[in-house]
Protein backbone atom coordinates (compact mmCIF):
# COMPACT_ATOMS: atom_id res chain seq x y z
CA UNK A 1 -25.79 -25.65 120.95
CA UNK A 2 -23.44 -23.15 122.65
CA UNK A 3 -25.71 -23.09 125.70
CA UNK A 4 -25.80 -26.88 125.89
CA UNK A 5 -22.03 -27.01 125.62
CA UNK A 6 -21.76 -24.48 128.45
CA UNK A 7 -24.04 -26.59 130.62
CA UNK A 8 -21.98 -29.64 129.72
CA UNK A 9 -18.77 -27.95 130.83
CA UNK A 10 -20.35 -26.90 134.13
CA UNK A 11 -21.62 -30.44 134.70
CA UNK A 12 -18.20 -31.84 133.85
CA UNK A 13 -16.48 -29.51 136.35
CA UNK A 14 -18.96 -30.42 139.07
CA UNK A 15 -18.39 -34.14 138.47
CA UNK A 16 -14.62 -33.59 138.62
CA UNK A 17 -14.99 -31.70 141.93
CA UNK A 18 -17.14 -34.49 143.38
CA UNK A 19 -14.63 -37.14 142.29
CA UNK A 20 -11.79 -35.07 143.77
CA UNK A 21 -13.62 -34.72 147.10
CA UNK A 22 -14.42 -38.45 147.09
CA UNK A 23 -10.78 -39.28 146.37
CA UNK A 24 -9.45 -36.90 149.04
CA UNK A 25 -11.87 -38.24 151.65
CA UNK A 26 -10.74 -41.80 151.07
CA UNK A 27 -7.11 -40.68 150.96
CA UNK A 28 -7.59 -38.85 154.29
CA UNK A 29 -9.33 -41.85 155.85
CA UNK A 30 -6.59 -44.22 154.68
CA UNK A 31 -3.86 -41.89 156.00
CA UNK A 32 -5.65 -41.56 159.35
CA UNK A 33 -6.08 -45.30 159.82
CA UNK A 34 -2.47 -45.97 158.78
CA UNK A 35 -1.22 -43.30 161.21
CA UNK A 36 -3.18 -44.79 164.13
CA UNK A 37 -1.95 -48.29 163.25
CA UNK A 38 1.72 -47.27 163.05
CA UNK A 39 1.59 -44.95 166.07
CA UNK A 40 -0.04 -47.57 168.28
CA UNK A 41 2.52 -50.20 167.21
CA UNK A 42 5.33 -48.35 169.02
CA UNK A 43 4.48 -49.96 172.37
CA UNK A 44 4.63 -53.51 170.97
CA UNK A 45 7.87 -52.75 169.10
CA UNK A 46 9.38 -51.47 172.35
CA UNK A 47 8.34 -54.63 174.20
CA UNK A 48 9.92 -56.79 171.47
CA UNK A 49 13.22 -54.88 171.63
CA UNK A 50 13.20 -55.09 175.44
CA UNK A 51 13.37 -58.87 175.20
CA UNK A 52 16.94 -58.52 173.89
CA UNK A 53 18.32 -55.27 175.32
CA UNK A 54 18.23 -52.83 178.19
CA UNK A 55 15.94 -49.77 177.95
CA UNK A 56 18.65 -47.14 177.57
CA UNK A 57 20.47 -49.17 174.92
CA UNK A 58 17.28 -49.18 172.84
CA UNK A 59 16.64 -45.48 173.45
CA UNK A 60 20.16 -44.25 172.63
CA UNK A 61 20.43 -46.33 169.44
CA UNK A 62 16.96 -45.27 168.28
CA UNK A 63 17.41 -41.55 168.88
CA UNK A 64 20.98 -41.41 167.58
CA UNK A 65 20.11 -43.06 164.26
CA UNK A 66 16.83 -41.16 163.84
CA UNK A 67 18.39 -37.81 164.78
CA UNK A 68 21.43 -38.19 162.53
CA UNK A 69 19.23 -39.31 159.63
CA UNK A 70 16.96 -36.27 159.92
CA UNK A 71 19.91 -33.88 160.27
CA UNK A 72 21.75 -35.27 157.26
CA UNK A 73 18.63 -34.86 155.16
CA UNK A 74 17.87 -31.39 156.52
CA UNK A 75 21.37 -29.91 156.17
CA UNK A 76 22.89 -31.82 153.23
CA UNK A 77 19.84 -32.45 151.02
CA UNK A 78 17.48 -29.59 151.86
CA UNK A 79 20.35 -27.19 152.67
CA UNK A 80 18.62 -25.81 155.74
CA UNK A 81 20.62 -23.59 158.08
CA UNK A 82 22.18 -24.70 161.35
CA UNK A 83 20.74 -23.43 164.66
CA UNK A 84 22.09 -20.09 165.88
CA UNK A 85 23.80 -19.60 169.25
CA UNK A 86 20.61 -18.47 171.02
CA UNK A 87 18.62 -21.44 169.64
CA UNK A 88 20.68 -24.22 171.22
CA UNK A 89 19.20 -23.77 174.71
CA UNK A 90 15.55 -24.10 173.56
CA UNK A 91 16.52 -27.12 171.45
CA UNK A 92 18.25 -28.71 174.44
CA UNK A 93 15.30 -28.08 176.78
CA UNK A 94 12.85 -29.44 174.22
CA UNK A 95 15.03 -32.51 173.64
CA UNK A 96 15.36 -33.08 177.39
CA UNK A 97 11.58 -33.00 177.90
CA UNK A 98 10.41 -34.63 174.68
CA UNK A 99 13.09 -37.29 174.25
CA UNK A 100 15.17 -37.84 177.39
CA UNK A 101 12.40 -37.72 179.99
CA UNK A 102 9.30 -38.61 177.95
CA UNK A 103 10.63 -41.47 175.84
CA UNK A 104 13.43 -42.38 178.25
CA UNK A 105 10.96 -42.95 181.08
CA UNK A 106 8.46 -44.47 178.63
CA UNK A 107 10.83 -47.27 177.65
CA UNK A 108 11.46 -47.91 181.38
CA UNK A 109 7.71 -48.06 182.01
CA UNK A 110 7.23 -50.56 179.18
CA UNK A 111 9.20 -53.07 181.26
CA UNK A 112 6.40 -52.93 183.83
CA UNK A 113 3.18 -52.50 181.79
CA UNK A 114 1.55 -54.19 178.83
CA UNK A 115 1.88 -52.86 175.29
CA UNK A 116 -1.88 -52.26 175.17
CA UNK A 117 -1.76 -49.97 178.20
CA UNK A 118 1.25 -48.19 176.70
CA UNK A 119 -0.66 -47.31 173.53
CA UNK A 120 -3.70 -46.23 175.57
CA UNK A 121 -1.58 -43.88 177.69
CA UNK A 122 -0.21 -42.17 174.57
CA UNK A 123 -3.75 -41.43 173.39
CA UNK A 124 -4.55 -39.63 176.66
CA UNK A 125 -1.84 -36.99 176.10
CA UNK A 126 -4.24 -34.28 174.78
CA UNK A 127 -6.08 -34.35 178.10
CA UNK A 128 -2.85 -33.95 180.09
CA UNK A 129 -1.92 -30.97 177.91
CA UNK A 130 -5.19 -29.27 178.86
CA UNK A 131 -4.60 -29.88 182.57
CA UNK A 132 -1.01 -28.60 182.48
CA UNK A 133 -2.18 -25.51 180.59
CA UNK A 134 -4.45 -24.73 183.51
CA UNK A 135 -1.75 -25.29 186.15
CA UNK A 136 1.14 -23.50 184.42
CA UNK A 137 -0.50 -20.86 182.23
CA UNK A 138 -3.76 -20.29 184.15
CA UNK A 139 -5.92 -21.26 181.21
CA UNK A 140 -9.57 -21.81 182.02
CA UNK A 141 -10.62 -25.46 182.27
CA UNK A 142 -14.31 -26.02 181.72
CA UNK A 143 -16.56 -28.88 182.76
CA UNK A 144 -15.81 -30.68 179.48
CA UNK A 145 -12.11 -30.95 180.32
CA UNK A 146 -12.83 -32.28 183.82
CA UNK A 147 -15.26 -34.84 182.40
CA UNK A 148 -12.70 -35.84 179.79
CA UNK A 149 -10.00 -36.27 182.45
CA UNK A 150 -12.39 -38.33 184.61
CA UNK A 151 -13.38 -40.67 181.76
CA UNK A 152 -9.78 -41.16 180.60
CA UNK A 153 -8.47 -41.85 184.11
CA UNK A 154 -11.33 -44.26 184.81
CA UNK A 155 -10.70 -46.01 181.48
CA UNK A 156 -7.01 -46.58 182.22
CA UNK A 157 -7.80 -47.90 185.71
CA UNK A 158 -10.50 -50.26 184.39
CA UNK A 159 -8.27 -51.61 181.61
CA UNK A 160 -5.30 -51.98 183.97
CA UNK A 161 -7.18 -53.70 186.81
CA UNK A 162 -6.99 -57.32 185.54
CA UNK A 163 -3.48 -56.70 184.19
CA UNK A 164 -2.30 -55.68 187.66
CA UNK A 165 -3.69 -58.91 189.09
CA UNK A 166 -2.06 -61.05 186.35
CA UNK A 167 1.36 -59.33 186.49
CA UNK A 168 0.97 -57.69 183.05
CA UNK A 169 1.28 -54.31 184.79
CA UNK A 170 2.62 -52.93 188.07
CA UNK A 171 1.88 -49.82 190.10
CA UNK A 172 5.49 -48.73 189.52
CA UNK A 173 5.02 -49.09 185.77
CA UNK A 174 1.81 -47.04 185.80
CA UNK A 175 3.50 -44.28 187.81
CA UNK A 176 6.43 -44.21 185.38
CA UNK A 177 3.94 -44.02 182.51
CA UNK A 178 2.25 -41.06 184.22
CA UNK A 179 5.58 -39.23 184.57
CA UNK A 180 6.32 -39.98 180.92
CA UNK A 181 2.98 -38.59 179.72
CA UNK A 182 3.34 -35.46 181.87
CA UNK A 183 6.80 -34.85 180.38
CA UNK A 184 5.42 -35.20 176.85
CA UNK A 185 2.56 -32.79 177.55
CA UNK A 186 4.96 -30.27 179.08
CA UNK A 187 7.22 -30.60 176.04
CA UNK A 188 4.30 -29.99 173.67
CA UNK A 189 3.36 -26.80 175.53
CA UNK A 190 7.00 -25.66 175.63
CA UNK A 191 7.28 -26.18 171.88
CA UNK A 192 4.10 -24.18 171.26
CA UNK A 193 5.24 -21.30 173.51
CA UNK A 194 8.79 -21.06 172.08
CA UNK A 195 9.69 -18.79 169.16
CA UNK A 196 11.66 -20.89 166.70
CA UNK A 197 12.15 -18.09 164.17
CA UNK A 198 12.67 -19.55 160.67
CA UNK A 199 14.29 -22.76 161.91
CA UNK A 200 13.04 -25.63 159.73
CA UNK A 201 10.80 -28.22 161.39
CA UNK A 202 13.06 -31.11 160.32
CA UNK A 203 16.05 -29.26 161.81
CA UNK A 204 14.21 -28.83 165.12
CA UNK A 205 13.14 -32.47 165.23
CA UNK A 206 16.57 -33.73 164.22
CA UNK A 207 18.55 -31.76 166.80
CA UNK A 208 16.10 -32.27 169.67
CA UNK A 209 16.09 -36.03 168.95
CA UNK A 210 19.89 -36.24 168.81
CA UNK A 211 20.40 -34.04 171.89
CA UNK A 212 17.75 -35.97 173.83
CA UNK A 213 19.54 -39.21 173.00
CA UNK A 214 22.91 -37.77 174.07
CA UNK A 215 21.44 -36.74 177.44
CA UNK A 216 20.63 -40.42 178.04
CA UNK A 217 24.20 -41.64 177.39
CA UNK A 218 25.35 -41.16 181.04
CA UNK A 219 22.41 -43.30 182.23
CA UNK A 220 23.33 -45.92 179.62
CA UNK A 221 26.93 -46.03 180.84
CA UNK A 222 25.85 -46.31 184.49
CA UNK A 223 23.37 -49.13 183.93
CA UNK A 224 24.93 -51.04 181.02
CA UNK A 225 25.38 -54.78 181.56
CA UNK A 226 26.79 -56.67 178.59
CA UNK A 227 25.13 -59.97 179.49
CA UNK A 228 21.66 -58.38 179.25
CA UNK A 229 22.11 -57.10 175.70
CA UNK A 230 21.87 -59.36 172.68
CA UNK A 231 22.00 -57.61 169.31
CA UNK A 232 19.86 -60.16 167.55
CA UNK A 233 16.85 -60.12 165.23
CA UNK A 234 14.44 -59.07 167.98
CA UNK A 235 16.58 -56.08 168.90
CA UNK A 236 17.14 -54.80 165.36
CA UNK A 237 13.58 -55.48 164.20
CA UNK A 238 12.13 -53.64 167.20
CA UNK A 239 14.49 -50.66 166.99
CA UNK A 240 14.24 -50.33 163.19
CA UNK A 241 10.44 -50.39 163.46
CA UNK A 242 10.59 -47.62 166.06
CA UNK A 243 12.88 -45.56 163.79
CA UNK A 244 11.27 -45.91 160.34
CA UNK A 245 7.52 -46.69 160.59
CA UNK A 246 7.02 -44.83 163.90
CA UNK A 247 9.51 -41.93 164.07
CA UNK A 248 9.48 -41.19 160.32
CA UNK A 249 6.33 -42.53 158.62
CA UNK A 250 3.81 -41.99 161.43
CA UNK A 251 5.08 -38.48 162.18
CA UNK A 252 4.92 -37.50 158.49
CA UNK A 253 1.36 -38.87 158.24
CA UNK A 254 0.42 -36.90 161.35
CA UNK A 255 1.78 -33.67 159.88
CA UNK A 256 -0.13 -34.32 156.65
CA UNK A 257 -3.35 -34.98 158.57
CA UNK A 258 -2.89 -31.72 160.49
CA UNK A 259 -2.32 -29.84 157.25
CA UNK A 260 -5.48 -31.26 155.62
CA UNK A 261 -7.96 -30.94 158.51
CA UNK A 262 -6.19 -29.71 161.61
CA UNK A 263 -9.30 -29.48 163.79
CA UNK A 264 -10.37 -33.11 163.47
CA UNK A 265 -6.94 -34.72 163.06
CA UNK A 266 -6.75 -35.63 166.76
CA UNK A 267 -9.82 -37.84 166.38
CA UNK A 268 -7.56 -40.49 164.86
CA UNK A 269 -6.02 -40.90 168.32
CA UNK A 270 -9.25 -42.69 169.27
CA UNK A 271 -8.09 -45.68 167.25
CA UNK A 272 -4.71 -45.96 168.99
CA UNK A 273 -5.95 -47.84 172.08
CA UNK A 274 -7.99 -50.18 169.86
CA UNK A 275 -5.10 -50.97 167.52
CA UNK A 276 -2.68 -51.09 170.47
CA UNK A 277 -4.56 -53.84 172.30
CA UNK A 278 -5.14 -55.79 169.05
CA UNK A 279 -1.43 -55.66 168.12
CA UNK A 280 -0.43 -56.61 171.67
CA UNK A 281 -2.81 -59.57 171.63
CA UNK A 282 -1.71 -60.85 168.21
CA UNK A 283 2.03 -60.22 168.48
CA UNK A 284 2.70 -60.51 172.23
CA UNK A 285 -0.27 -62.69 173.27
CA UNK A 286 -1.40 -60.18 175.90
CA UNK A 287 -4.90 -60.87 177.28
CA UNK A 288 -8.01 -58.99 176.17
CA UNK A 289 -11.05 -59.08 178.45
CA UNK A 290 -14.30 -57.24 179.07
CA UNK A 291 -12.32 -54.81 181.21
CA UNK A 292 -10.25 -53.97 178.13
CA UNK A 293 -13.28 -53.08 176.01
CA UNK A 294 -14.87 -51.02 178.80
CA UNK A 295 -11.57 -49.21 179.46
CA UNK A 296 -11.07 -48.40 175.77
CA UNK A 297 -14.67 -47.15 175.60
CA UNK A 298 -14.17 -44.83 178.58
CA UNK A 299 -10.92 -43.43 177.13
CA UNK A 300 -12.56 -42.92 173.72
CA UNK A 301 -15.47 -41.05 175.32
CA UNK A 302 -13.03 -38.88 177.25
CA UNK A 303 -11.03 -38.05 174.13
CA UNK A 304 -14.22 -37.38 172.19
CA UNK A 305 -15.40 -34.85 174.79
CA UNK A 306 -12.21 -32.80 174.67
CA UNK A 307 -11.90 -32.95 170.88
CA UNK A 308 -15.57 -32.04 170.38
CA UNK A 309 -14.96 -28.92 172.44
CA UNK A 310 -12.09 -27.98 170.10
CA UNK A 311 -14.38 -28.42 167.10
CA UNK A 312 -17.07 -26.23 168.69
CA UNK A 313 -14.50 -23.53 169.52
CA UNK A 314 -13.20 -23.62 165.93
CA UNK A 315 -16.71 -23.33 164.51
CA UNK A 316 -17.47 -20.40 166.81
CA UNK A 317 -14.25 -18.64 165.80
CA UNK A 318 -14.99 -19.26 162.09
CA UNK A 319 -18.51 -17.84 162.46
CA UNK A 320 -17.06 -14.62 163.89
């Protein structure tokens, strides 16, 4: 009887473990899909807000509100310390790259390109990071990275080709998007190379967002035209969506995904171009053609190549 009870307890624990794994897998899958959906919606939300306001008006309002909100929570609720004197310069540089240049130029580019292309460009960022690592830090770039870059570049060109002909994208817009993505990739590498001591992540994000928004104020003042800005439903719905679901919810989901399974978290970026074009078609009535599907396929293959290499490197390191 005692032995049977012991076997029963073991069986019960195994069933509980299996149920826990099953639950966590579905929870992880749901979080990944929701992240990709929210992250890819940023381009469409930007296009909606641009119908009522100038780019720098949208950017300054978004970053000011988001930055102040994060800082109030970090310093008043969590009681995290303020940055020290030597930490303000790194925060300013990071904010300049990650907010002022990256998202400032991004919102300018969204005037010239479709929302679908905007979401696709964001998904290509991991490849740009690899290339910049080679150029700036002399990291080795294998054949997989070159293949990934080739597939991603070809995918963007294929998807953009009919949009260029139908005025849904311009060469100027694509160049601005390229500058934006390069700034983001540089910012990501700068963040990884900088020693932030014990400065809380929310404090870093809050200050770099607020400082990046402040750096854009002179450009706002120089370009502001009252007749081009209408603070209506389209403006507030677009900006609020960029602040809450994108800047807060999507980022928190991303951090949770990294914490659960850091190596494969980037695979969820594959869904961003898919969701981006679907959202753009449903909400903004942007065209979807065979070129779109082929372009998304090429970008997905390119992202898969570079992420698969990361998985192989992680497995090799774990085996050692």
